[in-house]
Amino acid sequence: MISKKNFLEYSLFTKKLGDFPSQSKILINTINQYSYCIAQEDSEFKRALQASDVLLPDGIGVVIGARFLTGENIKKIAGADVHHYLLTDLNKKNGSCFYL
């Protein structure tokens, strides 16, 4: 099961990097203070963030805000960190990827 923490109207991923669901396809997005503000004005973007299978807390503002509102500490996971993790994991499996 994915461990998530409700933060305002979003479910933040709270497990460690790599503890993603084992389904064949997952949608991973990140949220930081800037994307949160943009989502307040752009309902389609907001729905996209809310529909994520994994929504990573990628910003100290989100981490501090979640701590303030929920009392729980969550770890910031930057988009660059997940990108590096996934490429390293793919390399170990002799996999490949395609960028468009």
Protein backbone atom coordinates (compact mmCIF):
# COMPACT_ATOMS: atom_id res chain seq x y z
CA MET A 1 0.00 0.00 0.00
CA ILE A 2 1.19 3.51 -0.75
CA SER A 3 1.76 5.58 2.34
CA LYS A 4 0.22 9.01 1.85
CA LYS A 5 -0.33 12.05 4.02
CA ASN A 6 -3.27 14.32 3.31
CA PHE A 7 -2.07 17.89 2.93
CA LEU A 8 -4.74 20.42 2.09
CA GLU A 9 -6.34 18.81 -0.98
CA TYR A 10 -3.39 16.60 -1.95
CA SER A 11 -2.14 13.16 -0.92
CA LEU A 12 1.62 13.42 -0.43
CA PHE A 13 3.84 10.36 -0.77
CA THR A 14 5.53 9.74 2.58
CA LYS A 15 7.53 6.56 2.09
CA LYS A 16 11.17 6.49 1.10
CA LEU A 17 12.35 6.94 -2.46
CA GLY A 18 11.76 3.76 -4.42
CA ASP A 19 8.88 2.40 -2.32
CA PHE A 20 6.55 3.01 -5.21
CA PRO A 21 3.55 0.84 -6.09
CA SER A 22 4.39 -2.27 -8.07
CA GLN A 23 1.83 -1.73 -10.82
CA SER A 24 3.08 -1.69 -14.41
CA LYS A 25 2.48 2.04 -14.90
CA ILE A 26 2.46 4.76 -12.28
CA LEU A 27 2.04 8.48 -12.59
CA ILE A 28 4.60 10.36 -10.50
CA ASN A 29 4.35 14.11 -10.04
CA THR A 30 5.95 16.57 -7.69
CA ILE A 31 4.46 19.46 -5.78
CA ASN A 32 6.30 22.46 -4.40
CA GLN A 33 5.11 25.80 -3.13
CA TYR A 34 5.10 27.30 -6.62
CA SER A 35 3.13 24.47 -8.24
CA TYR A 36 0.68 24.59 -5.31
CA CYS A 37 0.05 28.29 -6.02
CA ILE A 38 -0.33 27.67 -9.76
CA ALA A 39 -2.80 24.85 -9.06
CA GLN A 40 -4.94 27.27 -7.05
CA GLU A 41 -5.48 29.22 -10.29
CA ASP A 42 -5.42 26.33 -12.80
CA SER A 43 -8.06 23.69 -12.04
CA GLU A 44 -6.83 21.30 -14.75
CA PHE A 45 -3.30 21.37 -13.33
CA LYS A 46 -4.74 20.85 -9.84
CA ARG A 47 -6.68 17.79 -11.01
CA ALA A 48 -3.52 16.41 -12.63
CA LEU A 49 -1.61 16.72 -9.35
CA GLN A 50 -4.47 15.19 -7.38
CA ALA A 51 -4.74 12.27 -9.84
CA SER A 52 -1.08 11.28 -9.33
CA ASP A 53 -0.37 7.75 -8.14
CA VAL A 54 2.65 9.23 -6.36
CA LEU A 55 2.80 12.92 -5.46
CA LEU A 56 6.25 13.76 -4.15
CA PRO A 57 6.75 16.65 -1.71
CA ASP A 58 9.36 18.53 -3.75
CA GLY A 59 9.80 21.75 -1.86
CA ILE A 60 10.69 22.83 1.63
CA GLY A 61 7.56 25.01 1.73
CA VAL A 62 5.36 21.94 1.24
CA VAL A 63 7.32 19.96 3.85
CA ILE A 64 7.13 22.76 6.44
CA GLY A 65 3.47 23.44 5.61
CA ALA A 66 2.59 19.75 6.05
CA ARG A 67 4.45 19.67 9.37
CA PHE A 68 2.65 22.80 10.56
CA LEU A 69 -0.81 21.57 9.50
CA THR A 70 -0.52 17.87 10.35
CA GLY A 71 2.18 17.72 13.03
CA GLU A 72 4.05 15.04 11.11
CA ASN A 73 7.50 15.22 9.59
CA ILE A 74 7.73 14.20 5.97
CA LYS A 75 10.84 14.06 3.84
CA LYS A 76 11.37 16.30 0.82
CA ILE A 77 11.95 14.27 -2.35
CA ALA A 78 13.07 16.39 -5.28
CA GLY A 79 12.14 15.57 -8.85
CA ALA A 80 15.85 15.35 -9.66
CA ASP A 81 16.26 12.75 -6.90
CA VAL A 82 13.50 10.51 -8.26
CA HIS A 83 14.85 10.94 -11.80
CA HIS A 84 18.32 9.81 -10.68
CA TYR A 85 16.86 6.91 -8.68
CA LEU A 86 14.76 5.66 -11.61
CA LEU A 87 17.62 5.88 -14.10
CA THR A 88 19.97 4.06 -11.71
CA ASP A 89 17.36 1.35 -11.13
CA LEU A 90 16.74 1.03 -14.86
CA ASN A 91 20.48 0.72 -15.48
CA LYS A 92 20.74 -2.12 -12.93
CA LYS A 93 18.00 -3.95 -14.83
CA ASN A 94 19.67 -3.34 -18.21
CA GLY A 95 16.62 -1.36 -19.20
CA SER A 96 16.28 1.63 -21.44
CA CYS A 97 14.22 4.78 -21.61
CA PHE A 98 13.16 7.27 -24.21
CA TYR A 99 12.92 11.04 -23.77
CA LEU A 100 10.57 13.04 -25.93
